[in-house]
Amino acid sequence: GDKTLLEVLKELSLEGKVMAAAVNMEIVKQDAWDKCRLNDGDKL
């Protein structure tokens, strides 16, 4: 299914461990992880 960045981090048990995240070479601020919708083929 569709996921947000935060949902992926939770599923991988990485929530609280990751300090910085980029999606397709674009930095995503921590307070936007729950709003950042991911697409098939995205590079994190």
PDB file of all heavy atoms in Angstrom:
ATOM      1  N   GLY A   1       0.797  -1.229   0.000  1.00  0.00           N
ATOM      2  CA  GLY A   1       0.000   0.000   0.000  1.00  0.00           C
ATOM      3  C   GLY A   1       0.821   1.266   0.000  1.00  0.00           C
ATOM      4  O   GLY A   1       2.046   1.245  -0.032  1.00  0.00           O
ATOM      5  N   ASP A   2       0.094   2.385   0.035  1.00  0.00           N
ATOM      6  CA  ASP A   2       0.732   3.699   0.084  1.00  0.00           C
ATOM      7  C   ASP A   2       1.250   3.946   1.486  1.00  0.00           C
ATOM      8  O   ASP A   2       0.624   3.557   2.468  1.00  0.00           O
ATOM      9  CB  ASP A   2      -0.269   4.791  -0.292  1.00  0.00           C
ATOM     10  CG  ASP A   2      -0.689   4.722  -1.754  1.00  0.00           C
ATOM     11  OD1 ASP A   2       0.074   4.161  -2.566  1.00  0.00           O
ATOM     12  OD2 ASP A   2      -1.774   5.227  -2.080  1.00  0.00           O
ATOM     13  N   LYS A   3       2.380   4.629   1.569  1.00  0.00           N
ATOM     14  CA  LYS A   3       3.003   4.903   2.866  1.00  0.00           C
ATOM     15  C   LYS A   3       3.519   6.329   2.899  1.00  0.00           C
ATOM     16  O   LYS A   3       3.877   6.902   1.879  1.00  0.00           O
ATOM     17  CB  LYS A   3       4.201   3.971   3.108  1.00  0.00           C
ATOM     18  CG  LYS A   3       3.899   2.500   3.094  1.00  0.00           C
ATOM     19  CD  LYS A   3       3.387   2.040   4.411  1.00  0.00           C
ATOM     20  CE  LYS A   3       3.195   0.535   4.380  1.00  0.00           C
ATOM     21  NZ  LYS A   3       2.225   0.080   5.301  1.00  0.00           N
ATOM     22  N   THR A   4       3.588   6.855   4.121  1.00  0.00           N
ATOM     23  CA  THR A   4       4.314   8.096   4.339  1.00  0.00           C
ATOM     24  C   THR A   4       5.725   7.717   4.792  1.00  0.00           C
ATOM     25  O   THR A   4       5.984   6.562   5.168  1.00  0.00           O
ATOM     26  CB  THR A   4       3.663   8.967   5.433  1.00  0.00           C
ATOM     27  OG1 THR A   4       3.742   8.268   6.678  1.00  0.00           O
ATOM     28  CG2 THR A   4       2.222   9.317   5.093  1.00  0.00           C
ATOM     29  N   LEU A   5       6.593   8.694   4.797  1.00  0.00           N
ATOM     30  CA  LEU A   5       7.955   8.452   5.271  1.00  0.00           C
ATOM     31  C   LEU A   5       7.933   7.961   6.718  1.00  0.00           C
ATOM     32  O   LEU A   5       8.628   7.001   7.062  1.00  0.00           O
ATOM     33  CB  LEU A   5       8.777   9.738   5.133  1.00  0.00           C
ATOM     34  CG  LEU A   5      10.216   9.691   5.611  1.00  0.00           C
ATOM     35  CD1 LEU A   5      10.999   8.568   4.960  1.00  0.00           C
ATOM     36  CD2 LEU A   5      10.889  11.028   5.361  1.00  0.00           C
ATOM     37  N   LEU A   6       7.116   8.566   7.552  1.00  0.00           N
ATOM     38  CA  LEU A   6       7.037   8.156   8.957  1.00  0.00           C
ATOM     39  C   LEU A   6       6.540   6.719   9.090  1.00  0.00           C
ATOM     40  O   LEU A   6       7.068   5.945   9.893  1.00  0.00           O
ATOM     41  CB  LEU A   6       6.137   9.111   9.744  1.00  0.00           C
ATOM     42  CG  LEU A   6       6.041   8.839  11.235  1.00  0.00           C
ATOM     43  CD1 LEU A   6       7.408   8.921  11.905  1.00  0.00           C
ATOM     44  CD2 LEU A   6       5.074   9.805  11.890  1.00  0.00           C
ATOM     45  N   GLU A   7       5.564   6.331   8.292  1.00  0.00           N
ATOM     46  CA  GLU A   7       5.057   4.954   8.348  1.00  0.00           C
ATOM     47  C   GLU A   7       6.141   3.944   7.966  1.00  0.00           C
ATOM     48  O   GLU A   7       6.249   2.878   8.577  1.00  0.00           O
ATOM     49  CB  GLU A   7       3.844   4.801   7.429  1.00  0.00           C
ATOM     50  CG  GLU A   7       2.610   5.513   7.941  1.00  0.00           C
ATOM     51  CD  GLU A   7       1.478   5.585   6.933  1.00  0.00           C
ATOM     52  OE1 GLU A   7       1.731   5.544   5.700  1.00  0.00           O
ATOM     53  OE2 GLU A   7       0.327   5.694   7.382  1.00  0.00           O
ATOM     54  N   VAL A   8       6.952   4.278   6.976  1.00  0.00           N
ATOM     55  CA  VAL A   8       8.056   3.392   6.580  1.00  0.00           C
ATOM     56  C   VAL A   8       9.069   3.279   7.712  1.00  0.00           C
ATOM     57  O   VAL A   8       9.527   2.175   8.039  1.00  0.00           O
ATOM     58  CB  VAL A   8       8.724   3.894   5.277  1.00  0.00           C
ATOM     59  CG1 VAL A   8      10.046   3.198   5.035  1.00  0.00           C
ATOM     60  CG2 VAL A   8       7.790   3.672   4.095  1.00  0.00           C
ATOM     61  N   LEU A   9       9.411   4.399   8.346  1.00  0.00           N
ATOM     62  CA  LEU A   9      10.368   4.362   9.455  1.00  0.00           C
ATOM     63  C   LEU A   9       9.835   3.504  10.596  1.00  0.00           C
ATOM     64  O   LEU A   9      10.589   2.717  11.189  1.00  0.00           O
ATOM     65  CB  LEU A   9      10.664   5.776   9.948  1.00  0.00           C
ATOM     66  CG  LEU A   9      11.420   6.669   8.965  1.00  0.00           C
ATOM     67  CD1 LEU A   9      11.562   8.067   9.533  1.00  0.00           C
ATOM     68  CD2 LEU A   9      12.770   6.087   8.621  1.00  0.00           C
ATOM     69  N   LYS A  10       8.550   3.618  10.904  1.00  0.00           N
ATOM     70  CA  LYS A  10       7.946   2.795  11.963  1.00  0.00           C
ATOM     71  C   LYS A  10       7.973   1.319  11.586  1.00  0.00           C
ATOM     72  O   LYS A  10       8.297   0.467  12.412  1.00  0.00           O
ATOM     73  CB  LYS A  10       6.513   3.247  12.231  1.00  0.00           C
ATOM     74  CG  LYS A  10       6.420   4.542  12.989  1.00  0.00           C
ATOM     75  CD  LYS A  10       4.975   4.924  13.228  1.00  0.00           C
ATOM     76  CE  LYS A  10       4.866   6.210  14.024  1.00  0.00           C
ATOM     77  NZ  LYS A  10       3.467   6.603  14.252  1.00  0.00           N
ATOM     78  N   GLU A  11       7.650   1.018  10.326  1.00  0.00           N
ATOM     79  CA  GLU A  11       7.623  -0.373   9.868  1.00  0.00           C
ATOM     80  C   GLU A  11       9.012  -1.006   9.924  1.00  0.00           C
ATOM     81  O   GLU A  11       9.151  -2.200  10.168  1.00  0.00           O
ATOM     82  CB  GLU A  11       7.074  -0.427   8.441  1.00  0.00           C
ATOM     83  CG  GLU A  11       6.457  -1.746   8.095  1.00  0.00           C
ATOM     84  CD  GLU A  11       5.601  -1.704   6.842  1.00  0.00           C
ATOM     85  OE1 GLU A  11       4.667  -0.874   6.777  1.00  0.00           O
ATOM     86  OE2 GLU A  11       5.886  -2.514   5.939  1.00  0.00           O
ATOM     87  N   LEU A  12      10.049  -0.195   9.710  1.00  0.00           N
ATOM     88  CA  LEU A  12      11.429  -0.684   9.760  1.00  0.00           C
ATOM     89  C   LEU A  12      12.037  -0.578  11.160  1.00  0.00           C
ATOM     90  O   LEU A  12      13.224  -0.858  11.340  1.00  0.00           O
ATOM     91  CB  LEU A  12      12.300   0.104   8.767  1.00  0.00           C
ATOM     92  CG  LEU A  12      11.945  -0.061   7.293  1.00  0.00           C
ATOM     93  CD1 LEU A  12      12.753   0.906   6.442  1.00  0.00           C
ATOM     94  CD2 LEU A  12      12.169  -1.498   6.836  1.00  0.00           C
ATOM     95  N   SER A  13      11.231  -0.165  12.134  1.00  0.00           N
ATOM     96  CA  SER A  13      11.691   0.040  13.522  1.00  0.00           C
ATOM     97  C   SER A  13      12.840   1.034  13.596  1.00  0.00           C
ATOM     98  O   SER A  13      13.777   0.862  14.372  1.00  0.00           O
ATOM     99  CB  SER A  13      12.106  -1.299  14.152  1.00  0.00           C
ATOM    100  OG  SER A  13      11.016  -2.183  14.174  1.00  0.00           O
ATOM    101  N   LEU A  14      12.765   2.073  12.790  1.00  0.00           N
ATOM    102  CA  LEU A  14      13.806   3.098  12.765  1.00  0.00           C
ATOM    103  C   LEU A  14      13.344   4.432  13.332  1.00  0.00           C
ATOM    104  O   LEU A  14      14.131   5.371  13.416  1.00  0.00           O
ATOM    105  CB  LEU A  14      14.303   3.315  11.321  1.00  0.00           C
ATOM    106  CG  LEU A  14      15.033   2.141  10.700  1.00  0.00           C
ATOM    107  CD1 LEU A  14      15.381   2.432   9.246  1.00  0.00           C
ATOM    108  CD2 LEU A  14      16.293   1.817  11.486  1.00  0.00           C
ATOM    109  N   GLU A  15      12.084   4.522  13.710  1.00  0.00           N
ATOM    110  CA  GLU A  15      11.580   5.766  14.281  1.00  0.00           C
ATOM    111  C   GLU A  15      12.377   6.076  15.546  1.00  0.00           C
ATOM    112  O   GLU A  15      12.576   5.224  16.389  1.00  0.00           O
ATOM    113  CB  GLU A  15      10.100   5.634  14.615  1.00  0.00           C
ATOM    114  CG  GLU A  15       9.493   6.918  15.112  1.00  0.00           C
ATOM    115  CD  GLU A  15       8.071   6.745  15.587  1.00  0.00           C
ATOM    116  OE1 GLU A  15       7.636   5.600  15.809  1.00  0.00           O
ATOM    117  OE2 GLU A  15       7.407   7.759  15.744  1.00  0.00           O
ATOM    118  N   GLY A  16      12.865   7.286  15.665  1.00  0.00           N
ATOM    119  CA  GLY A  16      13.680   7.683  16.804  1.00  0.00           C
ATOM    120  C   GLY A  16      15.156   7.438  16.597  1.00  0.00           C
ATOM    121  O   GLY A  16      15.979   7.964  17.329  1.00  0.00           O
ATOM    122  N   LYS A  17      15.523   6.652  15.586  1.00  0.00           N
ATOM    123  CA  LYS A  17      16.929   6.378  15.297  1.00  0.00           C
ATOM    124  C   LYS A  17      17.445   7.216  14.133  1.00  0.00           C
ATOM    125  O   LYS A  17      18.624   7.518  14.062  1.00  0.00           O
ATOM    126  CB  LYS A  17      17.127   4.894  14.983  1.00  0.00           C
ATOM    127  CG  LYS A  17      16.811   3.986  16.138  1.00  0.00           C
ATOM    128  CD  LYS A  17      16.980   2.534  15.763  1.00  0.00           C
ATOM    129  CE  LYS A  17      16.572   1.646  16.935  1.00  0.00           C
ATOM    130  NZ  LYS A  17      16.629   0.236  16.594  1.00  0.00           N
ATOM    131  N   VAL A  18      16.561   7.560  13.217  1.00  0.00           N
ATOM    132  CA  VAL A  18      16.949   8.332  12.026  1.00  0.00           C
ATOM    133  C   VAL A  18      16.924   9.811  12.376  1.00  0.00           C
ATOM    134  O   VAL A  18      15.954  10.321  12.930  1.00  0.00           O
ATOM    135  CB  VAL A  18      15.999   8.027  10.846  1.00  0.00           C
ATOM    136  CG1 VAL A  18      16.275   8.948   9.677  1.00  0.00           C
ATOM    137  CG2 VAL A  18      16.150   6.573  10.422  1.00  0.00           C
ATOM    138  N   MET A  19      17.999  10.512  12.056  1.00  0.00           N
ATOM    139  CA  MET A  19      18.100  11.930  12.359  1.00  0.00           C
ATOM    140  C   MET A  19      17.831  12.804  11.136  1.00  0.00           C
ATOM    141  O   MET A  19      17.432  13.946  11.273  1.00  0.00           O
ATOM    142  CB  MET A  19      19.498  12.251  12.910  1.00  0.00           C
ATOM    143  CG  MET A  19      19.851  11.463  14.155  1.00  0.00           C
ATOM    144  SD  MET A  19      18.700  11.718  15.516  1.00  0.00           S
ATOM    145  CE  MET A  19      19.073  13.373  15.962  1.00  0.00           C
ATOM    146  N   ALA A  20      18.076  12.256   9.952  1.00  0.00           N
ATOM    147  CA  ALA A  20      17.865  13.007   8.719  1.00  0.00           C
ATOM    148  C   ALA A  20      17.393  12.045   7.641  1.00  0.00           C
ATOM    149  O   ALA A  20      17.787  10.888   7.604  1.00  0.00           O
ATOM    150  CB  ALA A  20      19.159  13.689   8.276  1.00  0.00           C
ATOM    151  N   ALA A  21      16.523  12.570   6.767  1.00  0.00           N
ATOM    152  CA  ALA A  21      15.991  11.736   5.693  1.00  0.00           C
ATOM    153  C   ALA A  21      15.896  12.559   4.418  1.00  0.00           C
ATOM    154  O   ALA A  21      15.565  13.741   4.447  1.00  0.00           O
ATOM    155  CB  ALA A  21      14.613  11.198   6.069  1.00  0.00           C
ATOM    156  N   ALA A  22      16.194  11.892   3.314  1.00  0.00           N
ATOM    157  CA  ALA A  22      16.045  12.508   1.995  1.00  0.00           C
ATOM    158  C   ALA A  22      15.256  11.545   1.116  1.00  0.00           C
ATOM    159  O   ALA A  22      15.452  10.334   1.172  1.00  0.00           O
ATOM    160  CB  ALA A  22      17.401  12.787   1.376  1.00  0.00           C
ATOM    161  N   VAL A  23      14.354  12.112   0.329  1.00  0.00           N
ATOM    162  CA  VAL A  23      13.577  11.341  -0.636  1.00  0.00           C
ATOM    163  C   VAL A  23      13.939  11.880  -2.006  1.00  0.00           C
ATOM    164  O   VAL A  23      13.764  13.068  -2.283  1.00  0.00           O
ATOM    165  CB  VAL A  23      12.056  11.478  -0.382  1.00  0.00           C
ATOM    166  CG1 VAL A  23      11.270  10.720  -1.443  1.00  0.00           C
ATOM    167  CG2 VAL A  23      11.701  10.969   1.014  1.00  0.00           C
ATOM    168  N   ASN A  24      14.497  11.002  -2.838  1.00  0.00           N
ATOM    169  CA  ASN A  24      14.945  11.396  -4.180  1.00  0.00           C
ATOM    170  C   ASN A  24      15.863  12.621  -4.114  1.00  0.00           C
ATOM    171  O   ASN A  24      15.713  13.573  -4.863  1.00  0.00           O
ATOM    172  CB  ASN A  24      13.747  11.645  -5.102  1.00  0.00           C
ATOM    173  CG  ASN A  24      12.909  10.396  -5.264  1.00  0.00           C
ATOM    174  OD1 ASN A  24      13.428   9.290  -5.332  1.00  0.00           O
ATOM    175  ND2 ASN A  24      11.606  10.562  -5.282  1.00  0.00           N
ATOM    176  N   MET A  25      16.806  12.581  -3.183  1.00  0.00           N
ATOM    177  CA  MET A  25      17.843  13.603  -3.008  1.00  0.00           C
ATOM    178  C   MET A  25      17.309  14.930  -2.462  1.00  0.00           C
ATOM    179  O   MET A  25      18.018  15.919  -2.449  1.00  0.00           O
ATOM    180  CB  MET A  25      18.609  13.846  -4.316  1.00  0.00           C
ATOM    181  CG  MET A  25      19.269  12.597  -4.887  1.00  0.00           C
ATOM    182  SD  MET A  25      20.481  11.857  -3.763  1.00  0.00           S
ATOM    183  CE  MET A  25      21.793  13.039  -3.899  1.00  0.00           C
ATOM    184  N   GLU A  26      16.060  14.960  -1.992  1.00  0.00           N
ATOM    185  CA  GLU A  26      15.470  16.161  -1.390  1.00  0.00           C
ATOM    186  C   GLU A  26      15.325  15.923   0.110  1.00  0.00           C
ATOM    187  O   GLU A  26      14.637  14.986   0.525  1.00  0.00           O
ATOM    188  CB  GLU A  26      14.085  16.452  -1.988  1.00  0.00           C
ATOM    189  CG  GLU A  26      14.094  16.757  -3.465  1.00  0.00           C
ATOM    190  CD  GLU A  26      14.290  18.238  -3.758  1.00  0.00           C
ATOM    191  OE1 GLU A  26      13.967  19.071  -2.901  1.00  0.00           O
ATOM    192  OE2 GLU A  26      14.772  18.528  -4.862  1.00  0.00           O
ATOM    193  N   ILE A  27      15.953  16.772   0.919  1.00  0.00           N
ATOM    194  CA  ILE A  27      15.843  16.647   2.364  1.00  0.00           C
ATOM    195  C   ILE A  27      14.387  16.866   2.791  1.00  0.00           C
ATOM    196  O   ILE A  27      13.732  17.786   2.317  1.00  0.00           O
ATOM    197  CB  ILE A  27      16.744  17.684   3.077  1.00  0.00           C
ATOM    198  CG1 ILE A  27      18.217  17.445   2.730  1.00  0.00           C
ATOM    199  CG2 ILE A  27      16.524  17.677   4.588  1.00  0.00           C
ATOM    200  CD1 ILE A  27      18.797  16.182   3.296  1.00  0.00           C
ATOM    201  N   VAL A  28      13.913  15.994   3.692  1.00  0.00           N
ATOM    202  CA  VAL A  28      12.564  16.133   4.252  1.00  0.00           C
ATOM    203  C   VAL A  28      12.746  16.414   5.740  1.00  0.00           C
ATOM    204  O   VAL A  28      13.333  15.609   6.460  1.00  0.00           O
ATOM    205  CB  VAL A  28      11.721  14.862   4.037  1.00  0.00           C
ATOM    206  CG1 VAL A  28      10.340  15.024   4.648  1.00  0.00           C
ATOM    207  CG2 VAL A  28      11.637  14.509   2.561  1.00  0.00           C
ATOM    208  N   LYS A  29      12.243  17.554   6.189  1.00  0.00           N
ATOM    209  CA  LYS A  29      12.366  17.918   7.606  1.00  0.00           C
ATOM    210  C   LYS A  29      11.541  16.965   8.457  1.00  0.00           C
ATOM    211  O   LYS A  29      10.484  16.493   8.042  1.00  0.00           O
ATOM    212  CB  LYS A  29      11.913  19.355   7.823  1.00  0.00           C
ATOM    213  CG  LYS A  29      12.830  20.351   7.160  1.00  0.00           C
ATOM    214  CD  LYS A  29      12.436  21.761   7.507  1.00  0.00           C
ATOM    215  CE  LYS A  29      13.413  22.729   6.838  1.00  0.00           C
ATOM    216  NZ  LYS A  29      13.163  24.108   7.254  1.00  0.00           N
ATOM    217  N   GLN A  30      12.033  16.715   9.670  1.00  0.00           N
ATOM    218  CA  GLN A  30      11.398  15.740  10.561  1.00  0.00           C
ATOM    219  C   GLN A  30       9.929  16.040  10.810  1.00  0.00           C
ATOM    220  O   GLN A  30       9.122  15.117  10.877  1.00  0.00           O
ATOM    221  CB  GLN A  30      12.135  15.703  11.904  1.00  0.00           C
ATOM    222  CG  GLN A  30      12.832  14.399  12.121  1.00  0.00           C
ATOM    223  CD  GLN A  30      13.586  14.361  13.428  1.00  0.00           C
ATOM    224  OE1 GLN A  30      14.026  15.371  13.947  1.00  0.00           O
ATOM    225  NE2 GLN A  30      13.746  13.175  13.954  1.00  0.00           N
ATOM    226  N   ASP A  31       9.566  17.295  10.926  1.00  0.00           N
ATOM    227  CA  ASP A  31       8.171  17.607  11.214  1.00  0.00           C
ATOM    228  C   ASP A  31       7.252  17.396  10.014  1.00  0.00           C
ATOM    229  O   ASP A  31       6.030  17.516  10.128  1.00  0.00           O
ATOM    230  CB  ASP A  31       8.017  19.033  11.760  1.00  0.00           C
ATOM    231  CG  ASP A  31       8.492  20.107  10.798  1.00  0.00           C
ATOM    232  OD1 ASP A  31       9.050  19.783   9.731  1.00  0.00           O
ATOM    233  OD2 ASP A  31       8.306  21.299  11.126  1.00  0.00           O
ATOM    234  N   ALA A  32       7.822  17.025   8.853  1.00  0.00           N
ATOM    235  CA  ALA A  32       7.022  16.754   7.652  1.00  0.00           C
ATOM    236  C   ALA A  32       7.006  15.265   7.293  1.00  0.00           C
ATOM    237  O   ALA A  32       6.381  14.880   6.309  1.00  0.00           O
ATOM    238  CB  ALA A  32       7.551  17.561   6.479  1.00  0.00           C
ATOM    239  N   TRP A  33       7.664  14.424   8.079  1.00  0.00           N
ATOM    240  CA  TRP A  33       7.739  12.997   7.755  1.00  0.00           C
ATOM    241  C   TRP A  33       6.356  12.363   7.683  1.00  0.00           C
ATOM    242  O   TRP A  33       6.127  11.481   6.869  1.00  0.00           O
ATOM    243  CB  TRP A  33       8.598  12.252   8.764  1.00  0.00           C
ATOM    244  CG  TRP A  33      10.075  12.552   8.647  1.00  0.00           C
ATOM    245  CD1 TRP A  33      10.684  13.352   7.715  1.00  0.00           C
ATOM    246  CD2 TRP A  33      11.110  12.067   9.486  1.00  0.00           C
ATOM    247  NE1 TRP A  33      12.031  13.385   7.943  1.00  0.00           N
ATOM    248  CE2 TRP A  33      12.334  12.607   9.016  1.00  0.00           C
ATOM    249  CE3 TRP A  33      11.129  11.237  10.591  1.00  0.00           C
ATOM    250  CZ2 TRP A  33      13.553  12.326   9.614  1.00  0.00           C
ATOM    251  CZ3 TRP A  33      12.344  10.951  11.190  1.00  0.00           C
ATOM    252  CH2 TRP A  33      13.544  11.489  10.707  1.00  0.00           C
ATOM    253  N   ASP A  34       5.424  12.796   8.515  1.00  0.00           N
ATOM    254  CA  ASP A  34       4.091  12.203   8.511  1.00  0.00           C
ATOM    255  C   ASP A  34       3.235  12.685   7.338  1.00  0.00           C
ATOM    256  O   ASP A  34       2.204  12.110   7.045  1.00  0.00           O
ATOM    257  CB  ASP A  34       3.366  12.466   9.836  1.00  0.00           C
ATOM    258  CG  ASP A  34       3.133  13.947  10.095  1.00  0.00           C
ATOM    259  OD1 ASP A  34       3.897  14.781   9.592  1.00  0.00           O
ATOM    260  OD2 ASP A  34       2.174  14.263  10.827  1.00  0.00           O
ATOM    261  N   LYS A  35       3.696  13.717   6.636  1.00  0.00           N
ATOM    262  CA  LYS A  35       2.960  14.261   5.487  1.00  0.00           C
ATOM    263  C   LYS A  35       3.604  13.880   4.153  1.00  0.00           C
ATOM    264  O   LYS A  35       3.013  14.085   3.101  1.00  0.00           O
ATOM    265  CB  LYS A  35       2.885  15.780   5.593  1.00  0.00           C
ATOM    266  CG  LYS A  35       2.142  16.274   6.817  1.00  0.00           C
ATOM    267  CD  LYS A  35       2.301  17.781   6.963  1.00  0.00           C
ATOM    268  CE  LYS A  35       2.027  18.258   8.359  1.00  0.00           C
ATOM    269  NZ  LYS A  35       3.081  18.000   9.317  1.00  0.00           N
ATOM    270  N   CYS A  36       4.821  13.353   4.208  1.00  0.00           N
ATOM    271  CA  CYS A  36       5.583  13.034   2.997  1.00  0.00           C
ATOM    272  C   CYS A  36       5.124  11.685   2.439  1.00  0.00           C
ATOM    273  O   CYS A  36       5.523  10.621   2.921  1.00  0.00           O
ATOM    274  CB  CYS A  36       7.066  13.008   3.321  1.00  0.00           C
ATOM    275  SG  CYS A  36       8.105  12.597   1.898  1.00  0.00           S
ATOM    276  N   ARG A  37       4.276  11.725   1.405  1.00  0.00           N
ATOM    277  CA  ARG A  37       3.782  10.502   0.752  1.00  0.00           C
ATOM    278  C   ARG A  37       4.848   9.970  -0.193  1.00  0.00           C
ATOM    279  O   ARG A  37       5.423  10.719  -0.986  1.00  0.00           O
ATOM    280  CB  ARG A  37       2.517  10.797  -0.040  1.00  0.00           C
ATOM    281  CG  ARG A  37       1.352  11.057   0.851  1.00  0.00           C
ATOM    282  CD  ARG A  37       0.309   9.950   0.690  1.00  0.00           C
ATOM    283  NE  ARG A  37      -0.583   9.956   1.814  1.00  0.00           N
ATOM    284  CZ  ARG A  37      -0.639   8.997   2.735  1.00  0.00           C
ATOM    285  NH1 ARG A  37       0.119   7.947   2.625  1.00  0.00           N
ATOM    286  NH2 ARG A  37      -1.470   9.066   3.727  1.00  0.00           N
ATOM    287  N   LEU A  38       5.079   8.672  -0.111  1.00  0.00           N
ATOM    288  CA  LEU A  38       6.085   8.037  -0.951  1.00  0.00           C
ATOM    289  C   LEU A  38       5.428   7.396  -2.158  1.00  0.00           C
ATOM    290  O   LEU A  38       4.268   6.987  -2.110  1.00  0.00           O
ATOM    291  CB  LEU A  38       6.851   6.995  -0.135  1.00  0.00           C
ATOM    292  CG  LEU A  38       7.572   7.557   1.095  1.00  0.00           C
ATOM    293  CD1 LEU A  38       8.167   6.431   1.911  1.00  0.00           C
ATOM    294  CD2 LEU A  38       8.644   8.559   0.689  1.00  0.00           C
ATOM    295  N   ASN A  39       6.202   7.293  -3.237  1.00  0.00           N
ATOM    296  CA  ASN A  39       5.733   6.692  -4.487  1.00  0.00           C
ATOM    297  C   ASN A  39       6.610   5.508  -4.846  1.00  0.00           C
ATOM    298  O   ASN A  39       7.786   5.446  -4.468  1.00  0.00           O
ATOM    299  CB  ASN A  39       5.781   7.725  -5.621  1.00  0.00           C
ATOM    300  CG  ASN A  39       4.883   8.903  -5.347  1.00  0.00           C
ATOM    301  OD1 ASN A  39       3.690   8.759  -5.184  1.00  0.00           O
ATOM    302  ND2 ASN A  39       5.467  10.081  -5.273  1.00  0.00           N
ATOM    303  N   ASP A  40       6.050   4.583  -5.601  1.00  0.00           N
ATOM    304  CA  ASP A  40       6.788   3.418  -6.066  1.00  0.00           C
ATOM    305  C   ASP A  40       8.081   3.864  -6.746  1.00  0.00           C
ATOM    306  O   ASP A  40       8.068   4.756  -7.597  1.00  0.00           O
ATOM    307  CB  ASP A  40       5.922   2.615  -7.042  1.00  0.00           C
ATOM    308  CG  ASP A  40       6.532   1.273  -7.366  1.00  0.00           C
ATOM    309  OD1 ASP A  40       6.887   0.537  -6.423  1.00  0.00           O
ATOM    310  OD2 ASP A  40       6.653   0.960  -8.561  1.00  0.00           O
ATOM    311  N   GLY A  41       9.202   3.276  -6.347  1.00  0.00           N
ATOM    312  CA  GLY A  41      10.491   3.583  -6.957  1.00  0.00           C
ATOM    313  C   GLY A  41      11.251   4.720  -6.301  1.00  0.00           C
ATOM    314  O   GLY A  41      12.381   5.013  -6.702  1.00  0.00           O
ATOM    315  N   ASP A  42      10.664   5.373  -5.286  1.00  0.00           N
ATOM    316  CA  ASP A  42      11.369   6.452  -4.600  1.00  0.00           C
ATOM    317  C   ASP A  42      12.657   5.936  -3.973  1.00  0.00           C
ATOM    318  O   ASP A  42      12.739   4.792  -3.531  1.00  0.00           O
ATOM    319  CB  ASP A  42      10.500   7.079  -3.509  1.00  0.00           C
ATOM    320  CG  ASP A  42       9.517   8.102  -4.036  1.00  0.00           C
ATOM    321  OD1 ASP A  42       9.618   8.490  -5.225  1.00  0.00           O
ATOM    322  OD2 ASP A  42       8.639   8.518  -3.259  1.00  0.00           O
ATOM    323  N   LYS A  43      13.650   6.823  -3.926  1.00  0.00           N
ATOM    324  CA  LYS A  43      14.935   6.502  -3.307  1.00  0.00           C
ATOM    325  C   LYS A  43      15.053   7.276  -2.003  1.00  0.00           C
ATOM    326  O   LYS A  43      14.997   8.502  -2.005  1.00  0.00           O
ATOM    327  CB  LYS A  43      16.085   6.854  -4.248  1.00  0.00           C
ATOM    328  CG  LYS A  43      16.090   5.996  -5.488  1.00  0.00           C
ATOM    329  CD  LYS A  43      17.227   6.347  -6.408  1.00  0.00           C
ATOM    330  CE  LYS A  43      17.146   5.477  -7.659  1.00  0.00           C
ATOM    331  NZ  LYS A  43      18.181   5.807  -8.628  1.00  0.00           N
ATOM    332  N   LEU A  44      15.194   6.547  -0.901  1.00  0.00           N
ATOM    333  CA  LEU A  44      15.325   7.147   0.418  1.00  0.00           C
ATOM    334  C   LEU A  44      16.745   7.002   0.917  1.00  0.00           C
ATOM    335  O   LEU A  44      17.360   5.943   0.751  1.00  0.00           O
ATOM    336  CB  LEU A  44      14.403   6.455   1.425  1.00  0.00           C
ATOM    337  CG  LEU A  44      12.928   6.816   1.424  1.00  0.00           C
ATOM    338  CD1 LEU A  44      12.267   6.472   0.114  1.00  0.00           C
ATOM    339  CD2 LEU A  44      12.234   6.160   2.571  1.00  0.00           C
TER     340      LEU A  44
END
